[in-house]
Amino acid sequence: MKKQKKLYIIPVFVPHLGCPNDCIFCNQKSISGQTKMVTKDDLKETIEYYLSSFKEKDSYKEIAFFGGSFTAIDVKFQEELLQTANEYIQQGKIDGIRISTRPDYIDKEILKRLKKYHVKTIELGVQSSNDYILKRIARGHTFEDVKKASKLIRRYGFNLGHQMMIGLPESTKIDEINTSKELIKLKPKMVRIYPVLVIKNTKLEKEYNEGIYEPLTVNQAVERCKEVVYKFNKKRVEVIRIGLQNTDIISEPDSKESEVVAGPFHPAFGQLVEDSIWYDSIVDKIKKFNVKVKEVEIKANPADVNNVIGHKKENITKLKDIYEVDVVINTDEQIKEGKTEITILKTYTDFLEEDKKTVKM
């Protein structure tokens, strides 16, 4: 079986360039950690830095323009950045380019320009499929714009990606599940899921301070993210990120340098969601034994052991505290990644019998 090449991403942030309005949750300078405009020389320096740090030579390398709305920035500057990135493709040092943008800044001319410079992936900031919520957060476009843009992107042969948010003002769990269903219909190849954080100097911070908006807790955000991840996994849409990247300023709200005022921040948020999905799967398998289980052996591929155990052994602890089940973990390379084998080592009846024998002695 041919080994899949490792993917290396070279992130380039173009904060708030081209955005026609401010969504109430957004302060791109805080989210990206970038405060100045990117120049051609900055781009080259960034690319060279990352290329020198990549360990695996036989890998897939991609330049990714994040932040702002790439296709809405000045066309001349847009082409300057794309041309510089494209030079590295021509030299065989880079394999592709990806951009993130708004659905209302996609049309045939824009896509032809992106094609010219070998852009391969376009990610759309969708946030929600509910037009009321999009208006509530001052998004500036409708879900119909998302539909049109997504269809055009796929028709022109680009890889389509979507970005959605959990915990937006007035958004419910049902709204978010409906968003995932609507996105699946548009056939994205990948999706990013971001729980809403209250960032300094945003309209949402004002609403939070006035008691109008209440952010989700970490546990609430994990549960709601998990529901949409299930939907995407079932339809084989790759979830490539859950939660904002942890940086010096996107960190614990009580940290001195943090720009996060409140909300479900956790440095390993994506891991929490993934671990919780594994926990649900393990509990479901144990319940199917239909006996009171006291101890089980869980076998998993070595690559999955940390997911089985959970962040700070949380999964093992919950099985003990909630279900009174002791767990023995063993690895087996023959088990496919993503799968587990569970064997009962001791039932509650066995445990009681042992107790009786101990008393008799």
Protein backbone atom coordinates (compact mmCIF):
# COMPACT_ATOMS: atom_id res chain seq x y z
CA MET A 1 0.00 0.00 0.00
CA LYS A 2 1.42 3.38 -1.06
CA LYS A 3 2.22 5.63 1.90
CA GLN A 4 0.36 8.94 1.83
CA LYS A 5 2.63 11.97 1.63
CA LYS A 6 2.86 14.17 4.71
CA LEU A 7 1.09 17.51 4.28
CA TYR A 8 2.98 20.66 5.22
CA ILE A 9 1.10 23.96 5.37
CA ILE A 10 2.85 27.34 5.08
CA PRO A 11 0.38 29.77 6.72
CA VAL A 12 0.33 33.36 5.49
CA PHE A 13 -2.07 35.73 7.26
CA VAL A 14 -3.62 38.69 5.46
CA PRO A 15 -5.66 40.10 8.38
CA HIS A 16 -8.88 41.85 7.50
CA LEU A 17 -7.68 42.86 4.06
CA GLY A 18 -10.70 43.10 1.80
CA CYS A 19 -13.36 42.38 4.41
CA PRO A 20 -16.30 44.67 3.55
CA ASN A 21 -17.63 44.63 7.11
CA ASP A 22 -16.87 43.56 10.67
CA CYS A 23 -18.65 40.43 11.89
CA ILE A 24 -19.52 40.94 15.54
CA PHE A 25 -17.19 38.15 16.72
CA CYS A 26 -14.20 39.14 14.62
CA ASN A 27 -10.94 40.90 15.28
CA GLN A 28 -8.67 39.35 12.65
CA LYS A 29 -5.57 41.05 14.01
CA SER A 30 -6.10 39.26 17.31
CA ILE A 31 -7.12 35.93 15.78
CA SER A 32 -4.15 35.78 13.42
CA GLY A 33 -1.64 37.52 15.69
CA GLN A 34 -0.79 39.69 12.69
CA THR A 35 -1.02 43.47 12.87
CA LYS A 36 0.76 44.73 9.74
CA MET A 37 0.06 44.33 6.06
CA VAL A 38 1.87 41.45 4.37
CA THR A 39 4.38 42.42 1.69
CA LYS A 40 5.90 40.43 -1.15
CA ASP A 41 9.17 40.24 0.81
CA ASP A 42 7.31 39.07 3.93
CA LEU A 43 5.75 36.29 1.89
CA LYS A 44 9.10 35.12 0.51
CA GLU A 45 10.66 35.21 3.96
CA THR A 46 7.80 33.15 5.42
CA ILE A 47 7.96 30.57 2.64
CA GLU A 48 11.75 30.18 2.92
CA TYR A 49 11.54 29.86 6.70
CA TYR A 50 8.99 27.05 6.55
CA LEU A 51 10.70 25.24 3.67
CA SER A 52 13.94 25.12 5.68
CA SER A 53 12.13 23.64 8.70
CA PHE A 54 10.26 20.81 6.94
CA LYS A 55 11.82 17.47 7.81
CA GLU A 56 10.30 15.14 5.22
CA LYS A 57 11.50 16.03 1.73
CA ASP A 58 9.04 13.76 -0.09
CA SER A 59 5.96 15.61 1.11
CA TYR A 60 3.07 17.75 -0.15
CA LYS A 61 3.72 21.43 0.56
CA GLU A 62 1.03 24.07 0.33
CA ILE A 63 0.96 27.86 0.83
CA ALA A 64 -2.24 28.89 2.60
CA PHE A 65 -3.53 32.47 2.65
CA PHE A 66 -5.63 32.74 5.82
CA GLY A 67 -7.46 35.58 7.51
CA GLY A 68 -9.39 38.38 5.88
CA SER A 69 -11.11 37.70 2.59
CA PHE A 70 -8.45 36.96 0.03
CA THR A 71 -10.50 37.44 -3.14
CA ALA A 72 -11.88 40.75 -1.87
CA ILE A 73 -8.50 42.46 -1.54
CA ASP A 74 -7.13 44.78 -4.23
CA VAL A 75 -6.67 42.71 -7.39
CA LYS A 76 -3.18 44.07 -8.08
CA PHE A 77 -1.98 43.16 -4.58
CA GLN A 78 -3.80 39.83 -4.76
CA GLU A 79 -1.97 38.94 -7.98
CA GLU A 80 1.35 40.08 -6.52
CA LEU A 81 0.97 37.58 -3.67
CA LEU A 82 -0.26 34.81 -5.96
CA GLN A 83 2.54 35.42 -8.49
CA THR A 84 5.16 35.20 -5.74
CA ALA A 85 3.64 31.97 -4.41
CA ASN A 86 3.33 30.60 -7.94
CA GLU A 87 7.06 31.10 -8.54
CA TYR A 88 7.74 28.46 -5.89
CA ILE A 89 5.34 26.09 -7.67
CA GLN A 90 7.20 26.64 -10.95
CA GLN A 91 10.46 25.86 -9.16
CA GLY A 92 8.99 22.61 -7.80
CA LYS A 93 9.42 23.73 -4.18
CA ILE A 94 5.69 24.06 -3.49
CA ASP A 95 2.84 21.83 -4.66
CA GLY A 96 -0.18 24.09 -4.30
CA ILE A 97 -1.91 27.17 -2.95
CA ARG A 98 -5.05 27.45 -0.83
CA ILE A 99 -7.00 30.52 0.10
CA SER A 100 -9.85 31.38 2.44
CA THR A 101 -12.46 33.92 1.45
CA ARG A 102 -16.09 35.04 1.62
CA PRO A 103 -18.81 33.37 -0.47
CA ASP A 104 -20.00 36.74 -1.81
CA TYR A 105 -16.56 37.36 -3.34
CA ILE A 106 -16.56 34.40 -5.70
CA ASP A 107 -17.47 34.66 -9.37
CA LYS A 108 -16.24 33.27 -12.70
CA GLU A 109 -13.61 35.96 -13.26
CA ILE A 110 -12.19 35.51 -9.77
CA LEU A 111 -12.01 31.74 -10.21
CA LYS A 112 -10.28 32.09 -13.59
CA ARG A 113 -7.65 34.31 -11.94
CA LEU A 114 -7.09 31.82 -9.11
CA LYS A 115 -6.80 28.98 -11.63
CA LYS A 116 -4.13 30.92 -13.52
CA TYR A 117 -1.93 30.96 -10.43
CA HIS A 118 -2.48 27.29 -9.57
CA VAL A 119 -4.69 27.76 -6.52
CA LYS A 120 -6.03 24.30 -5.69
CA THR A 121 -8.22 24.77 -2.62
CA ILE A 122 -10.76 27.45 -1.72
CA GLU A 123 -12.21 27.58 1.79
CA LEU A 124 -15.39 29.57 2.33
CA GLY A 125 -16.26 31.21 5.62
CA VAL A 126 -19.85 30.06 5.99
CA GLN A 127 -20.41 30.19 9.79
CA SER A 128 -24.13 29.25 9.62
CA SER A 129 -26.80 28.18 7.14
CA ASN A 130 -29.42 30.19 9.03
CA ASP A 131 -29.97 33.57 7.34
CA TYR A 132 -31.34 35.10 10.55
CA ILE A 133 -28.13 34.20 12.40
CA LEU A 134 -25.97 35.46 9.51
CA LYS A 135 -27.77 38.80 9.75
CA ARG A 136 -27.54 38.76 13.55
CA ILE A 137 -23.73 38.49 13.39
CA ALA A 138 -23.47 41.12 10.60
CA ARG A 139 -21.99 38.59 8.22
CA GLY A 140 -23.05 40.55 5.14
CA HIS A 141 -24.11 37.62 2.96
CA THR A 142 -26.83 34.98 2.85
CA PHE A 143 -26.66 31.21 2.66
CA GLU A 144 -27.78 31.45 -0.95
CA ASP A 145 -24.41 33.13 -1.62
CA VAL A 146 -22.73 30.09 -0.03
CA LYS A 147 -24.65 27.72 -2.31
CA LYS A 148 -23.80 29.65 -5.48
CA ALA A 149 -20.12 30.05 -4.57
CA SER A 150 -19.72 26.39 -3.57
CA LYS A 151 -21.21 25.13 -6.82
CA LEU A 152 -19.02 27.45 -8.89
CA ILE A 153 -15.87 26.44 -7.01
CA ARG A 154 -16.52 22.76 -7.58
CA ARG A 155 -17.50 23.34 -11.23
CA TYR A 156 -14.13 25.03 -11.85
CA GLY A 157 -12.28 22.04 -10.40
CA PHE A 158 -11.09 23.46 -7.08
CA ASN A 159 -11.12 21.55 -3.80
CA LEU A 160 -13.94 23.05 -1.74
CA GLY A 161 -13.64 23.71 1.98
CA HIS A 162 -16.12 25.19 4.44
CA GLN A 163 -15.71 26.88 7.81
CA MET A 164 -18.58 26.90 10.31
CA MET A 165 -19.00 28.17 13.87
CA ILE A 166 -20.51 26.74 17.04
CA GLY A 167 -22.17 28.93 19.67
CA LEU A 168 -22.97 32.01 17.60
CA PRO A 169 -25.45 34.49 19.13
CA GLU A 170 -28.95 32.94 19.14
CA SER A 171 -27.66 29.79 17.45
CA THR A 172 -28.89 26.50 18.91
CA LYS A 173 -27.63 22.95 18.69
CA ILE A 174 -30.33 22.30 16.07
CA ASP A 175 -29.14 25.28 14.00
CA GLU A 176 -25.61 23.88 13.99
CA ILE A 177 -26.71 20.38 13.06
CA ASN A 178 -28.79 21.87 10.25
CA THR A 179 -25.76 23.86 9.08
CA SER A 180 -23.69 20.67 8.89
CA LYS A 181 -26.46 18.96 6.90
CA GLU A 182 -26.73 21.88 4.48
CA LEU A 183 -22.96 21.99 3.98
CA ILE A 184 -22.80 18.25 3.31
CA LYS A 185 -25.28 18.77 0.45
CA LEU A 186 -22.77 21.16 -1.15
CA LYS A 187 -20.11 18.41 -1.16
CA PRO A 188 -17.08 20.06 0.47
CA LYS A 189 -13.91 18.02 0.64
CA MET A 190 -13.02 19.42 4.06
CA VAL A 191 -14.43 21.52 6.88
CA ARG A 192 -13.18 23.53 9.86
CA ILE A 193 -15.27 23.96 12.99
CA TYR A 194 -14.71 26.90 15.31
CA PRO A 195 -16.45 27.44 18.66
CA VAL A 196 -17.09 31.15 19.26
CA LEU A 197 -14.66 32.93 21.55
CA VAL A 198 -15.30 36.44 22.82
CA ILE A 199 -12.35 38.49 21.57
CA LYS A 200 -11.29 41.93 22.80
CA ASN A 201 -12.40 44.98 20.82
CA THR A 202 -15.30 43.27 19.07
CA LYS A 203 -19.02 43.98 19.09
CA LEU A 204 -19.48 40.59 20.71
CA GLU A 205 -17.35 41.69 23.66
CA LYS A 206 -19.76 44.59 24.16
CA GLU A 207 -22.74 42.21 24.05
CA TYR A 208 -20.98 39.90 26.52
CA ASN A 209 -20.25 42.74 28.93
CA GLU A 210 -23.87 43.91 28.70
CA GLY A 211 -25.17 40.40 29.41
CA ILE A 212 -26.76 40.06 25.95
CA TYR A 213 -24.51 37.19 24.85
CA GLU A 214 -23.53 34.18 26.96
CA PRO A 215 -20.72 32.04 25.51
CA LEU A 216 -20.71 28.26 25.68
CA THR A 217 -18.70 26.46 28.34
CA VAL A 218 -15.93 24.13 27.20
CA ASN A 219 -18.11 21.06 27.90
CA GLN A 220 -21.08 22.54 25.99
CA ALA A 221 -18.86 23.42 23.04
CA VAL A 222 -17.31 19.92 22.98
CA GLU A 223 -20.75 18.28 22.96
CA ARG A 224 -22.07 20.55 20.20
CA CYS A 225 -18.94 20.22 18.07
CA LYS A 226 -19.13 16.47 18.49
CA GLU A 227 -22.64 16.36 17.03
CA VAL A 228 -21.60 18.05 13.79
CA VAL A 229 -18.38 16.02 13.56
CA TYR A 230 -20.53 12.87 13.62
CA LYS A 231 -22.49 14.22 10.65
CA PHE A 232 -19.39 15.07 8.63
CA ASN A 233 -17.65 11.78 9.46
CA LYS A 234 -20.68 9.80 8.36
CA LYS A 235 -20.56 11.46 4.93
CA ARG A 236 -16.74 11.28 4.78
CA VAL A 237 -16.19 15.03 4.83
CA GLU A 238 -12.76 15.52 6.40
CA VAL A 239 -12.75 17.69 9.53
CA ILE A 240 -9.32 19.31 9.27
CA ARG A 241 -9.53 21.55 12.34
CA ILE A 242 -11.66 22.05 15.44
CA GLY A 243 -11.00 25.26 17.39
CA LEU A 244 -8.67 28.22 16.84
CA GLN A 245 -4.93 27.71 16.86
CA ASN A 246 -3.47 28.27 20.33
CA THR A 247 -1.10 31.29 20.28
CA ASP A 248 0.29 33.80 22.78
CA ILE A 249 -2.80 35.98 22.36
CA ILE A 250 -5.37 33.25 21.68
CA SER A 251 -4.98 31.55 25.04
CA GLU A 252 -6.58 31.25 28.46
CA PRO A 253 -8.75 34.35 29.16
CA ASP A 254 -6.94 35.01 32.44
CA SER A 255 -3.54 35.02 30.71
CA LYS A 256 -1.91 38.48 30.68
CA GLU A 257 -1.32 38.59 26.90
CA SER A 258 -4.55 36.85 25.88
CA GLU A 259 -7.04 38.64 23.63
CA VAL A 260 -9.72 36.14 24.67
CA VAL A 261 -12.23 37.68 27.06
CA ALA A 262 -14.46 34.62 27.53
CA GLY A 263 -15.71 31.48 25.84
CA PRO A 264 -14.79 27.82 25.44
CA PHE A 265 -11.04 28.18 25.03
CA HIS A 266 -8.90 25.12 25.66
CA PRO A 267 -5.34 24.60 24.34
CA ALA A 268 -6.29 21.09 23.19
CA PHE A 269 -9.92 21.74 22.25
CA GLY A 270 -9.85 19.58 19.11
CA GLN A 271 -8.36 16.74 21.13
CA LEU A 272 -11.17 17.03 23.68
CA VAL A 273 -13.75 16.61 20.92
CA GLU A 274 -11.94 13.66 19.38
CA ASP A 275 -11.46 11.98 22.78
CA SER A 276 -15.15 12.44 23.57
CA ILE A 277 -16.11 10.72 20.31
CA TRP A 278 -13.86 7.79 21.24
CA TYR A 279 -15.41 7.68 24.71
CA ASP A 280 -18.93 7.47 23.28
CA SER A 281 -17.85 4.64 20.97
CA ILE A 282 -16.29 2.67 23.84
CA VAL A 283 -19.33 3.14 26.11
CA ASP A 284 -21.64 2.07 23.28
CA LYS A 285 -19.65 -1.16 22.74
CA ILE A 286 -19.61 -1.96 26.46
CA LYS A 287 -23.36 -1.44 26.73
CA LYS A 288 -23.93 -3.93 23.90
CA PHE A 289 -22.53 -6.72 26.10
CA ASN A 290 -25.80 -6.38 28.04
CA VAL A 291 -24.19 -7.42 31.34
CA LYS A 292 -22.91 -5.43 34.30
CA VAL A 293 -19.25 -5.07 33.36
CA LYS A 294 -16.57 -4.64 36.04
CA GLU A 295 -13.35 -4.79 34.01
CA VAL A 296 -12.58 -4.70 30.28
CA GLU A 297 -9.56 -4.90 28.03
CA ILE A 298 -9.46 -2.35 25.22
CA LYS A 299 -7.14 -3.12 22.33
CA ALA A 300 -6.31 -0.37 19.84
CA ASN A 301 -3.75 0.52 17.23
CA PRO A 302 -0.73 2.23 18.88
CA ALA A 303 -1.63 5.43 16.98
CA ASP A 304 -4.99 5.56 18.78
CA VAL A 305 -4.02 4.78 22.37
CA ASN A 306 -3.95 8.42 23.48
CA ASN A 307 -7.48 8.91 22.09
CA VAL A 308 -8.71 5.86 23.99
CA ILE A 309 -7.15 7.08 27.24
CA GLY A 310 -8.32 10.66 26.67
CA HIS A 311 -6.80 14.04 27.56
CA LYS A 312 -5.28 13.71 31.05
CA LYS A 313 -6.76 10.16 31.21
CA GLU A 314 -10.26 11.65 31.20
CA ASN A 315 -11.89 8.73 29.33
CA ILE A 316 -10.50 6.14 31.73
CA THR A 317 -11.51 8.26 34.71
CA LYS A 318 -15.08 8.74 33.43
CA LEU A 319 -15.53 5.01 32.81
CA LYS A 320 -14.47 4.38 36.41
CA ASP A 321 -16.49 7.21 37.98
CA ILE A 322 -19.71 6.91 35.95
CA TYR A 323 -19.91 3.21 35.09
CA GLU A 324 -17.55 1.69 37.71
CA VAL A 325 -15.61 -0.02 34.95
CA ASP A 326 -11.87 -0.68 35.27
CA VAL A 327 -9.91 -0.60 32.02
CA VAL A 328 -6.80 -2.41 30.80
CA ILE A 329 -5.29 -0.84 27.66
CA ASN A 330 -3.25 -2.92 25.20
CA THR A 331 -1.93 -2.11 21.73
CA ASP A 332 -2.24 -4.24 18.63
CA GLU A 333 -0.84 -3.10 15.29
CA GLN A 334 -3.19 -5.49 13.49
CA ILE A 335 -6.19 -3.41 14.53
CA LYS A 336 -7.07 -0.72 12.00
CA GLU A 337 -6.64 2.90 13.07
CA GLY A 338 -9.92 4.29 14.33
CA LYS A 339 -11.10 0.88 15.59
CA THR A 340 -11.04 -0.89 18.95
CA GLU A 341 -11.54 -4.42 20.23
CA ILE A 342 -13.14 -4.72 23.68
CA THR A 343 -13.09 -7.89 25.77
CA ILE A 344 -14.80 -8.43 29.13
CA LEU A 345 -12.24 -9.44 31.74
CA LYS A 346 -14.62 -9.43 34.65
CA THR A 347 -18.36 -8.96 35.13
CA TYR A 348 -19.95 -7.58 38.27
CA THR A 349 -21.17 -11.14 39.08
CA ASP A 350 -17.56 -12.38 38.93
CA PHE A 351 -16.57 -9.56 41.24
CA LEU A 352 -19.27 -10.49 43.80
CA GLU A 353 -18.24 -14.17 43.67
CA GLU A 354 -14.65 -13.20 44.37
CA ASP A 355 -15.85 -11.16 47.33
CA LYS A 356 -17.76 -14.17 48.70
CA LYS A 357 -14.64 -16.39 48.43
CA THR A 358 -12.59 -13.75 50.20
CA VAL A 359 -15.10 -13.58 53.07
CA LYS A 360 -15.14 -17.42 53.42
CA MET A 361 -11.37 -17.48 53.79
